[in-house]
Amino acid sequence: MSMKKVLEIAQSWVGYLEKASNKDLASKTANAGTANWTIFGAWYGLNPAEWCDMFVSYCGAKGGEEAAIGKFAYCPSHVNFFKNRGQWFARGAQTPRSGDVIFFGDADHVGLVESVSAGYVHTIEGNTRSGSTLVANGGGVFRKQYPLNSSYIMGYGRPNYASETNDTSTSKAERFFYPWRVYQNGSTEEAVYKDTDRTVKTGSLNPGESCYCLGVYGGSYLVCYKIDETDDDWAVGYTAYSGGVS
């Protein structure tokens, strides 16, 4: 399905309270308690148990993106899932975006990034309490927010959402450049990719090559470059080089 669907699933459960016993698991508020019984644990097959990661996994599966997000109940294993795929970045390394999986502390809590604005990351988390304080065992599904440089944040996993790869449409750019800017490559060859997560390589820029920059999507620059300097053939793709735009 899509990242949007995953977030819609998460949003639909905001206000859910964990249960005192194995009863009324599908109700948002009935049989509320602190015994870690949840519909997410029932789905995962591990009930009662701490459930923040089962909540994230549930949203991914119900949104049709289990392959991208993974299915976990143990946060350190989930971190390794993203690291092994090259889809992990630490706090401050990149700007998070909607749909990223956010990890806290020493990989002892997890949630979903709903949005990023004004220096804050806005999340939806399970097994937490309302408010901005980190709570790794709090009893409900709530929206929270943290400064992007918060020491609570360990890092992020960036799922390779199936329906959002292989898309070079400028409509997905977070920031357009009009008129187009000049993109000056650095002193080494720079790969160009078909997708914003930079997993499908389609070409490269030569050292010192100039081309056009159309906009920015997350940490990727959307460029228009010549395939062959002797021909008038052009291609569009994403590159990670973060400087030299004028």
C-alpha atoms as a PDB file:
ATOM      1  CA  MET A   1       0.000   0.000   0.000  1.00  0.00           C
ATOM      2  CA  SER A   2       1.831   3.156   1.146  1.00  0.00           C
ATOM      3  CA  MET A   3       3.452   5.171   3.900  1.00  0.00           C
ATOM      4  CA  LYS A   4       0.279   7.245   4.020  1.00  0.00           C
ATOM      5  CA  LYS A   5      -1.798   4.150   4.771  1.00  0.00           C
ATOM      6  CA  VAL A   6       0.593   3.093   7.560  1.00  0.00           C
ATOM      7  CA  LEU A   7       0.215   6.494   9.199  1.00  0.00           C
ATOM      8  CA  GLU A   8      -3.559   6.377   8.780  1.00  0.00           C
ATOM      9  CA  ILE A   9      -3.596   3.077  10.679  1.00  0.00           C
ATOM     10  CA  ALA A  10      -1.466   4.591  13.457  1.00  0.00           C
ATOM     11  CA  GLN A  11      -3.647   7.695  13.625  1.00  0.00           C
ATOM     12  CA  SER A  12      -6.771   5.582  13.947  1.00  0.00           C
ATOM     13  CA  TRP A  13      -5.442   4.071  17.200  1.00  0.00           C
ATOM     14  CA  VAL A  14      -4.483   7.333  18.940  1.00  0.00           C
ATOM     15  CA  GLY A  15      -6.154   7.254  22.367  1.00  0.00           C
ATOM     16  CA  TYR A  16      -6.008   3.468  22.712  1.00  0.00           C
ATOM     17  CA  LEU A  17      -5.380   2.278  26.292  1.00  0.00           C
ATOM     18  CA  GLU A  18      -3.779  -1.025  27.209  1.00  0.00           C
ATOM     19  CA  LYS A  19      -5.950  -3.493  29.098  1.00  0.00           C
ATOM     20  CA  ALA A  20      -6.092  -4.897  32.592  1.00  0.00           C
ATOM     21  CA  SER A  21      -6.821  -8.404  31.283  1.00  0.00           C
ATOM     22  CA  ASN A  22      -7.406 -10.372  28.092  1.00  0.00           C
ATOM     23  CA  LYS A  23     -10.751  -8.683  27.432  1.00  0.00           C
ATOM     24  CA  ASP A  24     -12.028  -5.870  25.191  1.00  0.00           C
ATOM     25  CA  LEU A  25      -8.711  -5.782  23.365  1.00  0.00           C
ATOM     26  CA  ALA A  26     -10.195  -4.056  20.316  1.00  0.00           C
ATOM     27  CA  SER A  27     -11.843  -1.284  22.339  1.00  0.00           C
ATOM     28  CA  LYS A  28      -9.939   1.953  22.673  1.00  0.00           C
ATOM     29  CA  THR A  29     -10.868   2.593  26.293  1.00  0.00           C
ATOM     30  CA  ALA A  30     -12.742  -0.369  27.817  1.00  0.00           C
ATOM     31  CA  ASN A  31     -11.015  -2.522  30.472  1.00  0.00           C
ATOM     32  CA  ALA A  32      -8.155  -0.047  30.729  1.00  0.00           C
ATOM     33  CA  GLY A  33      -5.287  -1.100  32.964  1.00  0.00           C
ATOM     34  CA  THR A  34      -1.535  -1.470  33.210  1.00  0.00           C
ATOM     35  CA  ALA A  35      -1.098  -5.190  32.538  1.00  0.00           C
ATOM     36  CA  ASN A  36       0.178  -4.876  28.924  1.00  0.00           C
ATOM     37  CA  TRP A  37      -2.730  -6.708  27.286  1.00  0.00           C
ATOM     38  CA  THR A  38      -3.345  -5.169  23.837  1.00  0.00           C
ATOM     39  CA  ILE A  39      -4.811  -5.920  20.436  1.00  0.00           C
ATOM     40  CA  PHE A  40      -1.304  -5.426  19.037  1.00  0.00           C
ATOM     41  CA  GLY A  41       0.105  -8.161  21.253  1.00  0.00           C
ATOM     42  CA  ALA A  42      -2.773 -10.441  20.284  1.00  0.00           C
ATOM     43  CA  TRP A  43      -1.993  -9.841  16.612  1.00  0.00           C
ATOM     44  CA  TYR A  44       1.713 -10.477  17.159  1.00  0.00           C
ATOM     45  CA  GLY A  45       1.146 -13.544  19.327  1.00  0.00           C
ATOM     46  CA  LEU A  46       2.851 -12.165  22.445  1.00  0.00           C
ATOM     47  CA  ASN A  47       0.389 -11.076  25.128  1.00  0.00           C
ATOM     48  CA  PRO A  48       0.782  -9.600  27.689  1.00  0.00           C
ATOM     49  CA  ALA A  49       4.096  -7.917  26.912  1.00  0.00           C
ATOM     50  CA  GLU A  50       5.596  -4.477  26.373  1.00  0.00           C
ATOM     51  CA  TRP A  51       4.157  -3.474  23.070  1.00  0.00           C
ATOM     52  CA  CYS A  52       5.632  -0.299  21.559  1.00  0.00           C
ATOM     53  CA  ASP A  53       7.373  -2.219  18.772  1.00  0.00           C
ATOM     54  CA  MET A  54       4.425  -4.528  18.214  1.00  0.00           C
ATOM     55  CA  PHE A  55       2.315  -1.409  17.658  1.00  0.00           C
ATOM     56  CA  VAL A  56       4.707  -0.106  14.981  1.00  0.00           C
ATOM     57  CA  SER A  57       4.846  -3.547  13.365  1.00  0.00           C
ATOM     58  CA  TYR A  58       1.041  -3.844  13.430  1.00  0.00           C
ATOM     59  CA  CYS A  59       0.653  -0.493  11.650  1.00  0.00           C
ATOM     60  CA  GLY A  60       3.168  -1.563   9.012  1.00  0.00           C
ATOM     61  CA  ALA A  61       1.454  -4.882   8.390  1.00  0.00           C
ATOM     62  CA  LYS A  62      -2.070  -3.475   8.316  1.00  0.00           C
ATOM     63  CA  GLY A  63      -0.878  -0.744   5.966  1.00  0.00           C
ATOM     64  CA  GLY A  64       0.482  -3.367   3.592  1.00  0.00           C
ATOM     65  CA  GLU A  65       4.115  -2.510   4.323  1.00  0.00           C
ATOM     66  CA  GLU A  66       5.295  -5.330   6.600  1.00  0.00           C
ATOM     67  CA  ALA A  67       8.204  -6.098   4.287  1.00  0.00           C
ATOM     68  CA  ALA A  68       9.386  -2.493   4.524  1.00  0.00           C
ATOM     69  CA  ILE A  69       8.875  -1.952   8.257  1.00  0.00           C
ATOM     70  CA  GLY A  70       9.456  -5.471   9.565  1.00  0.00           C
ATOM     71  CA  LYS A  71       7.723  -7.412  12.320  1.00  0.00           C
ATOM     72  CA  PHE A  72       9.347  -7.059  15.715  1.00  0.00           C
ATOM     73  CA  ALA A  73       8.652  -6.970  19.439  1.00  0.00           C
ATOM     74  CA  TYR A  74      12.255  -6.208  20.458  1.00  0.00           C
ATOM     75  CA  CYS A  75      13.616  -2.776  19.531  1.00  0.00           C
ATOM     76  CA  PRO A  76      17.344  -3.694  19.249  1.00  0.00           C
ATOM     77  CA  SER A  77      16.482  -6.347  16.668  1.00  0.00           C
ATOM     78  CA  HIS A  78      14.417  -3.777  14.798  1.00  0.00           C
ATOM     79  CA  VAL A  79      17.357  -1.349  14.763  1.00  0.00           C
ATOM     80  CA  ASN A  80      19.571  -4.069  13.299  1.00  0.00           C
ATOM     81  CA  PHE A  81      16.921  -4.769  10.656  1.00  0.00           C
ATOM     82  CA  PHE A  82      17.343  -1.233   9.306  1.00  0.00           C
ATOM     83  CA  LYS A  83      21.115  -1.139   9.771  1.00  0.00           C
ATOM     84  CA  ASN A  84      21.545  -4.357   7.807  1.00  0.00           C
ATOM     85  CA  ARG A  85      19.554  -2.836   4.942  1.00  0.00           C
ATOM     86  CA  GLY A  86      21.485   0.430   4.914  1.00  0.00           C
ATOM     87  CA  GLN A  87      18.312   2.259   5.988  1.00  0.00           C
ATOM     88  CA  TRP A  88      19.493   3.568   9.357  1.00  0.00           C
ATOM     89  CA  PHE A  89      20.669   7.056  10.330  1.00  0.00           C
ATOM     90  CA  ALA A  90      21.535   8.490  13.724  1.00  0.00           C
ATOM     91  CA  ARG A  91      19.976  11.590  15.258  1.00  0.00           C
ATOM     92  CA  GLY A  92      21.242  14.665  13.422  1.00  0.00           C
ATOM     93  CA  ALA A  93      22.626  12.800  10.407  1.00  0.00           C
ATOM     94  CA  GLN A  94      19.563  13.552   8.256  1.00  0.00           C
ATOM     95  CA  THR A  95      16.230  15.266   8.647  1.00  0.00           C
ATOM     96  CA  PRO A  96      13.559  12.657   9.446  1.00  0.00           C
ATOM     97  CA  ARG A  97      10.397  12.542   7.395  1.00  0.00           C
ATOM     98  CA  SER A  98       6.887  11.157   7.657  1.00  0.00           C
ATOM     99  CA  GLY A  99       6.833   7.372   7.876  1.00  0.00           C
ATOM    100  CA  ASP A 100      10.302   6.971   9.372  1.00  0.00           C
ATOM    101  CA  VAL A 101      10.594   4.664  12.387  1.00  0.00           C
ATOM    102  CA  ILE A 102      12.063   6.556  15.351  1.00  0.00           C
ATOM    103  CA  PHE A 103      14.026   4.827  18.107  1.00  0.00           C
ATOM    104  CA  PHE A 104      14.754   6.217  21.555  1.00  0.00           C
ATOM    105  CA  GLY A 105      17.238   5.727  24.382  1.00  0.00           C
ATOM    106  CA  ASP A 106      19.357   2.620  24.024  1.00  0.00           C
ATOM    107  CA  ALA A 107      16.886   1.090  21.576  1.00  0.00           C
ATOM    108  CA  ASP A 108      14.334   0.594  24.349  1.00  0.00           C
ATOM    109  CA  HIS A 109      11.386   2.450  22.774  1.00  0.00           C
ATOM    110  CA  VAL A 110      10.086   3.088  19.264  1.00  0.00           C
ATOM    111  CA  GLY A 111       7.397   4.999  17.375  1.00  0.00           C
ATOM    112  CA  LEU A 112       6.434   6.343  13.950  1.00  0.00           C
ATOM    113  CA  VAL A 113       7.280   9.804  12.630  1.00  0.00           C
ATOM    114  CA  GLU A 114       4.056  11.542  11.657  1.00  0.00           C
ATOM    115  CA  SER A 115       5.589  14.844  10.567  1.00  0.00           C
ATOM    116  CA  VAL A 116       8.500  17.248  11.047  1.00  0.00           C
ATOM    117  CA  SER A 117       8.100  20.999  11.480  1.00  0.00           C
ATOM    118  CA  ALA A 118       9.681  24.013  13.174  1.00  0.00           C
ATOM    119  CA  GLY A 119      12.582  22.022  14.576  1.00  0.00           C
ATOM    120  CA  TYR A 120      10.392  19.299  16.073  1.00  0.00           C
ATOM    121  CA  VAL A 121       9.673  15.710  15.146  1.00  0.00           C
ATOM    122  CA  HIS A 122       6.038  14.725  15.726  1.00  0.00           C
ATOM    123  CA  THR A 123       5.397  11.067  16.472  1.00  0.00           C
ATOM    124  CA  ILE A 124       2.740   8.458  17.158  1.00  0.00           C
ATOM    125  CA  GLU A 125       3.847   5.932  19.780  1.00  0.00           C
ATOM    126  CA  GLY A 126       2.391   2.942  21.547  1.00  0.00           C
ATOM    127  CA  ASN A 127       3.047   1.987  25.173  1.00  0.00           C
ATOM    128  CA  THR A 128       3.554   5.601  26.195  1.00  0.00           C
ATOM    129  CA  ARG A 129       1.744   8.494  27.896  1.00  0.00           C
ATOM    130  CA  SER A 130       0.631  11.826  26.527  1.00  0.00           C
ATOM    131  CA  GLY A 131       3.034  14.752  26.782  1.00  0.00           C
ATOM    132  CA  SER A 132       6.549  15.312  25.500  1.00  0.00           C
ATOM    133  CA  THR A 133       8.479  13.285  28.061  1.00  0.00           C
ATOM    134  CA  LEU A 134       9.899   9.983  26.907  1.00  0.00           C
ATOM    135  CA  VAL A 135       7.947   7.117  28.474  1.00  0.00           C
ATOM    136  CA  ALA A 136       9.008   3.619  27.468  1.00  0.00           C
ATOM    137  CA  ASN A 137       6.123   1.892  29.271  1.00  0.00           C
ATOM    138  CA  GLY A 138       3.182   4.228  29.511  1.00  0.00           C
ATOM    139  CA  GLY A 139      -0.037   2.421  28.701  1.00  0.00           C
ATOM    140  CA  GLY A 140      -1.500   3.998  25.564  1.00  0.00           C
ATOM    141  CA  VAL A 141      -1.154   5.237  21.983  1.00  0.00           C
ATOM    142  CA  PHE A 142      -0.476   8.972  21.857  1.00  0.00           C
ATOM    143  CA  ARG A 143       0.939  11.719  19.692  1.00  0.00           C
ATOM    144  CA  LYS A 144       4.165  13.234  21.004  1.00  0.00           C
ATOM    145  CA  GLN A 145       6.809  15.705  19.892  1.00  0.00           C
ATOM    146  CA  TYR A 146      10.518  16.232  20.544  1.00  0.00           C
ATOM    147  CA  PRO A 147      13.173  18.719  19.426  1.00  0.00           C
ATOM    148  CA  LEU A 148      15.108  17.241  16.529  1.00  0.00           C
ATOM    149  CA  ASN A 149      18.274  17.365  18.643  1.00  0.00           C
ATOM    150  CA  SER A 150      16.670  15.746  21.696  1.00  0.00           C
ATOM    151  CA  SER A 151      19.062  13.433  23.517  1.00  0.00           C
ATOM    152  CA  TYR A 152      16.143  10.991  23.885  1.00  0.00           C
ATOM    153  CA  ILE A 153      16.355  10.195  20.172  1.00  0.00           C
ATOM    154  CA  MET A 154      18.725   7.392  19.209  1.00  0.00           C
ATOM    155  CA  GLY A 155      18.084   7.421  15.453  1.00  0.00           C
ATOM    156  CA  TYR A 156      15.749   6.433  12.664  1.00  0.00           C
ATOM    157  CA  GLY A 157      14.948   3.612  10.302  1.00  0.00           C
ATOM    158  CA  ARG A 158      13.763   4.677   6.862  1.00  0.00           C
ATOM    159  CA  PRO A 159      11.500   1.964   5.388  1.00  0.00           C
ATOM    160  CA  ASN A 160      11.683   1.392   1.660  1.00  0.00           C
ATOM    161  CA  TYR A 161       7.950   1.786   1.119  1.00  0.00           C
ATOM    162  CA  ALA A 162       6.986  -0.240  -1.926  1.00  0.00           C
ATOM    163  CA  SER A 163       4.682   2.293  -3.554  1.00  0.00           C
ATOM    164  CA  GLU A 164       7.040   5.243  -3.056  1.00  0.00           C
ATOM    165  CA  THR A 165      10.228   3.953  -4.648  1.00  0.00           C
ATOM    166  CA  ASN A 166      11.222   4.428  -8.272  1.00  0.00           C
ATOM    167  CA  ASP A 167       9.541   7.824  -8.331  1.00  0.00           C
ATOM    168  CA  THR A 168      11.363  10.771  -9.846  1.00  0.00           C
ATOM    169  CA  SER A 169       8.331  13.043  -9.965  1.00  0.00           C
ATOM    170  CA  THR A 170       9.111  16.625  -8.979  1.00  0.00           C
ATOM    171  CA  SER A 171       5.705  16.709  -7.243  1.00  0.00           C
ATOM    172  CA  LYS A 172       7.345  14.843  -4.343  1.00  0.00           C
ATOM    173  CA  ALA A 173      10.022  17.472  -3.791  1.00  0.00           C
ATOM    174  CA  GLU A 174       9.909  19.202  -0.413  1.00  0.00           C
ATOM    175  CA  ARG A 175      11.448  22.356  -1.882  1.00  0.00           C
ATOM    176  CA  PHE A 176      11.325  23.416  -5.516  1.00  0.00           C
ATOM    177  CA  PHE A 177      13.943  25.578  -7.220  1.00  0.00           C
ATOM    178  CA  TYR A 178      12.436  27.944  -9.759  1.00  0.00           C
ATOM    179  CA  PRO A 179      14.216  28.975 -11.785  1.00  0.00           C
ATOM    180  CA  TRP A 180      16.340  25.840 -11.668  1.00  0.00           C
ATOM    181  CA  ARG A 181      19.651  26.160  -9.876  1.00  0.00           C
ATOM    182  CA  VAL A 182      23.086  25.084 -11.020  1.00  0.00           C
ATOM    183  CA  TYR A 183      24.376  21.934  -9.370  1.00  0.00           C
ATOM    184  CA  GLN A 184      28.161  21.672  -9.281  1.00  0.00           C
ATOM    185  CA  ASN A 185      29.460  18.195  -8.479  1.00  0.00           C
ATOM    186  CA  GLY A 186      32.483  17.756  -6.247  1.00  0.00           C
ATOM    187  CA  SER A 187      35.895  16.253  -6.961  1.00  0.00           C
ATOM    188  CA  THR A 188      34.714  12.624  -7.066  1.00  0.00           C
ATOM    189  CA  GLU A 189      32.157  10.761  -9.156  1.00  0.00           C
ATOM    190  CA  GLU A 190      28.668  11.003  -7.631  1.00  0.00           C
ATOM    191  CA  ALA A 191      26.015   8.313  -8.165  1.00  0.00           C
ATOM    192  CA  VAL A 192      22.533   9.262  -9.383  1.00  0.00           C
ATOM    193  CA  TYR A 193      19.535   7.177  -8.353  1.00  0.00           C
ATOM    194  CA  LYS A 194      16.019   6.603  -9.627  1.00  0.00           C
ATOM    195  CA  ASP A 195      14.436   6.676  -6.154  1.00  0.00           C
ATOM    196  CA  THR A 196      14.525   9.114  -3.250  1.00  0.00           C
ATOM    197  CA  ASP A 197      15.935   6.472  -0.887  1.00  0.00           C
ATOM    198  CA  ARG A 198      18.877   6.091  -3.293  1.00  0.00           C
ATOM    199  CA  THR A 199      18.713   2.333  -3.755  1.00  0.00           C
ATOM    200  CA  VAL A 200      18.361   2.035  -7.565  1.00  0.00           C
ATOM    201  CA  LYS A 201      21.385   3.518  -9.338  1.00  0.00           C
ATOM    202  CA  THR A 202      20.736   4.785 -12.854  1.00  0.00           C
ATOM    203  CA  GLY A 203      23.746   6.957 -13.651  1.00  0.00           C
ATOM    204  CA  SER A 204      26.487   9.167 -12.278  1.00  0.00           C
ATOM    205  CA  LEU A 205      27.936  12.663 -12.389  1.00  0.00           C
ATOM    206  CA  ASN A 206      31.549  13.125 -13.363  1.00  0.00           C
ATOM    207  CA  PRO A 207      33.956  14.978 -11.053  1.00  0.00           C
ATOM    208  CA  GLY A 208      33.306  18.694 -11.402  1.00  0.00           C
ATOM    209  CA  GLU A 209      30.286  18.187 -13.668  1.00  0.00           C
ATOM    210  CA  SER A 210      27.622  20.904 -13.721  1.00  0.00           C
ATOM    211  CA  CYS A 211      23.920  20.210 -14.210  1.00  0.00           C
ATOM    212  CA  TYR A 212      20.544  21.524 -13.080  1.00  0.00           C
ATOM    213  CA  CYS A 213      19.036  21.106  -9.613  1.00  0.00           C
ATOM    214  CA  LEU A 214      15.229  21.014  -9.608  1.00  0.00           C
ATOM    215  CA  GLY A 215      14.568  20.673  -5.892  1.00  0.00           C
ATOM    216  CA  VAL A 216      15.199  18.803  -2.672  1.00  0.00           C
ATOM    217  CA  TYR A 217      13.392  15.750  -1.266  1.00  0.00           C
ATOM    218  CA  GLY A 218      14.579  14.847   2.235  1.00  0.00           C
ATOM    219  CA  GLY A 219      18.329  14.305   1.934  1.00  0.00           C
ATOM    220  CA  SER A 220      18.204  13.823  -1.859  1.00  0.00           C
ATOM    221  CA  TYR A 221      18.769  16.461  -4.536  1.00  0.00           C
ATOM    222  CA  LEU A 222      16.719  16.116  -7.711  1.00  0.00           C
ATOM    223  CA  VAL A 223      19.009  16.819 -10.655  1.00  0.00           C
ATOM    224  CA  CYS A 224      18.712  16.975 -14.430  1.00  0.00           C
ATOM    225  CA  TYR A 225      21.945  15.977 -16.125  1.00  0.00           C
ATOM    226  CA  LYS A 226      23.315  14.981 -19.521  1.00  0.00           C
ATOM    227  CA  ILE A 227      23.715  11.261 -20.090  1.00  0.00           C
ATOM    228  CA  ASP A 228      26.415  11.870 -22.681  1.00  0.00           C
ATOM    229  CA  GLU A 229      28.229  15.184 -23.087  1.00  0.00           C
ATOM    230  CA  THR A 230      28.386  14.658 -26.865  1.00  0.00           C
ATOM    231  CA  ASP A 231      24.623  14.174 -27.240  1.00  0.00           C
ATOM    232  CA  ASP A 232      21.631  16.175 -26.154  1.00  0.00           C
ATOM    233  CA  ASP A 233      20.250  13.331 -24.030  1.00  0.00           C
ATOM    234  CA  TRP A 234      19.180  14.206 -20.499  1.00  0.00           C
ATOM    235  CA  ALA A 235      18.065  12.232 -17.451  1.00  0.00           C
ATOM    236  CA  VAL A 236      16.520  13.059 -14.095  1.00  0.00           C
ATOM    237  CA  GLY A 237      17.445  11.422 -10.801  1.00  0.00           C
ATOM    238  CA  TYR A 238      18.383  11.836  -7.146  1.00  0.00           C
ATOM    239  CA  THR A 239      21.809  12.325  -5.650  1.00  0.00           C
ATOM    240  CA  ALA A 240      23.040  12.635  -2.073  1.00  0.00           C
ATOM    241  CA  TYR A 241      25.685  15.325  -2.580  1.00  0.00           C
ATOM    242  CA  SER A 242      24.662  18.169  -0.271  1.00  0.00           C
ATOM    243  CA  GLY A 243      26.698  21.085  -1.541  1.00  0.00           C
ATOM    244  CA  GLY A 244      27.527  23.083  -4.618  1.00  0.00           C
ATOM    245  CA  VAL A 245      24.020  24.340  -5.453  1.00  0.00           C
ATOM    246  CA  SER A 246      23.927  27.963  -6.569  1.00  0.00           C
END
